[in-house]
């Protein structure tokens, strides 16, 4: 178990609430095919906890992971700024988010955004998306979830994108 609360600006009480919500969210999972329950909880910048659970479908690729369910709920409710994410499973060691979820997390989080992975005994590990500019920080010990990530900060502003698309249309 890692103790990163202070390094990630998450208080011990916030972390405990994040873990409790995440474990409860797992109970709502709809997973009749894999029987692999996953719960996720986001902590918003304004201190709200938003839960998600995995939802499977007979057409496997149509299912949605708990992490993306939590993000979709949050965004639908007007939240786009987050402090942390917790993901809970029934295995030990805990599972990390899949590649698709890692990219989804990056859309709304900085490269040093903390992802707490909770195991069956409510022990946890924490990882960040990418170790950027951490120097000798205590965060250096955390492993990257999405090295060399691609996020919205890499894209040109919308007006520049429209101008470039317009210019491309003129060249055709």
Protein backbone atom coordinates (compact mmCIF):
# COMPACT_ATOMS: atom_id res chain seq x y z
CA UNK A 1 0.00 0.00 0.00
CA UNK A 2 1.29 3.42 -0.95
CA UNK A 3 0.61 6.54 1.12
CA UNK A 4 0.36 9.35 -1.42
CA UNK A 5 -2.43 11.48 0.05
CA UNK A 6 -0.31 14.53 0.82
CA UNK A 7 1.67 14.20 -2.41
CA UNK A 8 -1.59 14.34 -4.37
CA UNK A 9 -3.29 17.02 -2.26
CA UNK A 10 -5.91 14.53 -1.07
CA UNK A 11 -6.67 14.53 2.67
CA UNK A 12 -6.89 11.22 4.53
CA UNK A 13 -10.64 11.75 5.02
CA UNK A 14 -11.13 12.50 1.29
CA UNK A 15 -9.18 9.36 0.40
CA UNK A 16 -11.25 7.26 2.82
CA UNK A 17 -14.48 8.65 1.30
CA UNK A 18 -13.14 8.05 -2.22
CA UNK A 19 -12.40 4.41 -1.36
CA UNK A 20 -15.77 3.84 0.36
CA UNK A 21 -17.69 5.31 -2.58
CA UNK A 22 -15.67 3.30 -5.06
CA UNK A 23 -16.28 0.01 -3.25
CA UNK A 24 -20.02 0.79 -3.03
CA UNK A 25 -20.13 1.67 -6.73
CA UNK A 26 -18.71 -1.76 -7.53
CA UNK A 27 -21.84 -3.32 -6.03
CA UNK A 28 -23.88 -1.69 -8.83
CA UNK A 29 -21.86 -3.30 -11.63
CA UNK A 30 -23.83 -5.07 -14.35
CA UNK A 31 -21.48 -7.85 -15.41
CA UNK A 32 -23.44 -11.04 -16.22
CA UNK A 33 -20.79 -12.22 -18.74
CA UNK A 34 -17.40 -11.66 -17.14
CA UNK A 35 -18.59 -11.48 -13.50
CA UNK A 36 -15.75 -8.96 -13.06
CA UNK A 37 -17.16 -6.13 -10.96
CA UNK A 38 -15.56 -2.70 -11.20
CA UNK A 39 -16.54 0.48 -9.41
CA UNK A 40 -15.08 3.94 -9.94
CA UNK A 41 -15.39 7.24 -8.11
CA UNK A 42 -14.26 10.67 -9.18
CA UNK A 43 -13.50 13.46 -6.73
CA UNK A 44 -14.44 16.75 -8.38
CA UNK A 45 -12.62 20.04 -7.81
CA UNK A 46 -15.60 21.23 -5.77
CA UNK A 47 -15.51 18.18 -3.46
CA UNK A 48 -18.27 16.01 -4.92
CA UNK A 49 -17.93 12.24 -5.31
CA UNK A 50 -19.35 10.82 -8.55
CA UNK A 51 -19.66 7.05 -8.95
CA UNK A 52 -19.69 4.72 -11.92
CA UNK A 53 -19.82 0.96 -12.43
CA UNK A 54 -19.02 -1.25 -15.38
CA UNK A 55 -21.99 -2.14 -17.59
CA UNK A 56 -21.59 -5.14 -19.88
CA UNK A 57 -23.56 -6.02 -22.98
CA UNK A 58 -24.09 -9.27 -24.90
CA UNK A 59 -22.24 -7.52 -27.73
CA UNK A 60 -19.05 -7.29 -25.67
CA UNK A 61 -17.53 -4.21 -27.29
CA UNK A 62 -20.66 -2.18 -26.48
CA UNK A 63 -20.05 -2.46 -22.72
CA UNK A 64 -18.65 0.50 -20.82
CA UNK A 65 -16.04 0.53 -18.09
CA UNK A 66 -16.70 1.96 -14.63
CA UNK A 67 -14.20 4.77 -15.13
CA UNK A 68 -15.90 6.06 -18.28
CA UNK A 69 -19.32 5.65 -16.66
CA UNK A 70 -18.20 7.91 -13.79
CA UNK A 71 -16.77 10.48 -16.20
CA UNK A 72 -19.90 10.44 -18.37
CA UNK A 73 -22.12 11.01 -15.32
CA UNK A 74 -19.87 13.82 -14.11
CA UNK A 75 -19.73 15.60 -17.46
CA UNK A 76 -23.49 15.20 -17.95
CA UNK A 77 -23.91 16.94 -14.57
CA UNK A 78 -21.59 19.78 -15.63
CA UNK A 79 -18.33 18.71 -13.96
CA UNK A 80 -15.08 18.70 -15.95
CA UNK A 81 -12.44 19.42 -13.27
CA UNK A 82 -11.30 16.55 -11.06
CA UNK A 83 -8.80 15.94 -8.28
CA UNK A 84 -8.63 12.14 -8.21
CA UNK A 85 -10.11 8.87 -9.44
CA UNK A 86 -10.45 5.60 -7.54
CA UNK A 87 -11.11 2.21 -9.19
CA UNK A 88 -12.17 -0.85 -7.17
CA UNK A 89 -12.14 -4.53 -8.17
CA UNK A 90 -12.54 -7.92 -6.47
CA UNK A 91 -8.96 -9.02 -7.10
CA UNK A 92 -5.57 -8.54 -5.50
CA UNK A 93 -3.38 -6.89 -6.58
CA UNK A 94 -5.85 -4.32 -7.91
CA UNK A 95 -6.52 -3.83 -11.61
CA UNK A 96 -5.50 -0.68 -13.42
CA UNK A 97 -7.71 1.14 -15.95
CA UNK A 98 -7.71 -0.23 -19.50
CA UNK A 99 -6.05 1.71 -22.31
CA UNK A 100 -9.29 3.27 -23.52
CA UNK A 101 -10.06 4.50 -19.99
CA UNK A 102 -6.52 5.83 -19.56
CA UNK A 103 -7.00 8.01 -22.63
CA UNK A 104 -10.42 9.08 -21.33
CA UNK A 105 -8.87 9.99 -17.95
CA UNK A 106 -6.23 12.05 -19.77
CA UNK A 107 -8.93 14.10 -21.49
CA UNK A 108 -9.92 15.56 -18.12
CA UNK A 109 -6.74 15.18 -16.06
CA UNK A 110 -3.20 16.42 -16.08
CA UNK A 111 -0.30 14.01 -16.57
CA UNK A 112 0.20 13.83 -12.78
CA UNK A 113 -3.51 13.10 -12.08
CA UNK A 114 -3.75 10.42 -9.35
CA UNK A 115 -5.55 7.13 -9.97
CA UNK A 116 -6.08 5.07 -6.82
CA UNK A 117 -6.53 1.35 -7.55
CA UNK A 118 -8.35 -0.50 -4.79
CA UNK A 119 -8.05 -4.27 -4.31
CA UNK A 120 -10.46 -6.79 -2.79
CA UNK A 121 -9.21 -5.98 0.73
CA UNK A 122 -9.47 -2.22 0.21
CA UNK A 123 -5.71 -1.82 0.03
CA UNK A 124 -4.62 0.52 -2.73
CA UNK A 125 -1.86 1.53 -5.08
CA UNK A 126 -1.73 4.90 -6.76
CA UNK A 127 -0.36 5.78 -10.16
CA UNK A 128 -0.29 8.91 -12.22
CA UNK A 129 -0.86 9.17 -15.95
CA UNK A 130 2.64 10.39 -16.71
CA UNK A 131 5.63 11.56 -14.68
CA UNK A 132 6.29 15.01 -16.10
CA UNK A 133 8.57 17.48 -14.38
CA UNK A 134 8.55 15.69 -11.05
CA UNK A 135 12.29 15.97 -10.40
CA UNK A 136 13.05 14.62 -6.93
CA UNK A 137 9.40 14.82 -5.85
CA UNK A 138 7.96 11.89 -3.88
CA UNK A 139 5.77 11.30 -6.93
CA UNK A 140 8.82 9.95 -8.81
CA UNK A 141 8.12 6.52 -7.31
CA UNK A 142 4.77 6.24 -9.07
CA UNK A 143 4.59 4.38 -12.35
CA UNK A 144 3.20 5.96 -15.49
CA UNK A 145 -0.23 4.81 -16.69
CA UNK A 146 -0.10 6.68 -20.00
CA UNK A 147 3.45 7.71 -20.94
CA UNK A 148 3.79 10.39 -23.64
CA UNK A 149 0.06 11.01 -23.36
CA UNK A 150 -2.04 12.89 -25.89
CA UNK A 151 -4.57 15.26 -24.35
CA UNK A 152 -6.62 18.32 -25.29
CA UNK A 153 -3.72 20.60 -24.34
CA UNK A 154 -1.80 19.22 -27.35
CA UNK A 155 -4.47 20.24 -29.86
CA UNK A 156 -4.47 23.71 -31.41
CA UNK A 157 -7.21 26.10 -30.22
CA UNK A 158 -10.55 25.57 -32.06
CA UNK A 159 -10.21 28.78 -34.09
CA UNK A 160 -6.80 27.69 -35.40
CA UNK A 161 -8.18 24.23 -36.18
CA UNK A 162 -11.07 25.73 -38.17
CA UNK A 163 -8.69 28.03 -40.06
CA UNK A 164 -6.41 25.10 -40.93
CA UNK A 165 -9.39 23.04 -42.13
CA UNK A 166 -10.62 25.98 -44.17
CA UNK A 167 -7.17 26.42 -45.75
CA UNK A 168 -7.05 22.71 -46.61
CA UNK A 169 -10.41 22.99 -48.34
CA UNK A 170 -9.12 25.89 -50.48
CA UNK A 171 -6.13 23.81 -51.65
CA UNK A 172 -8.32 20.99 -52.96
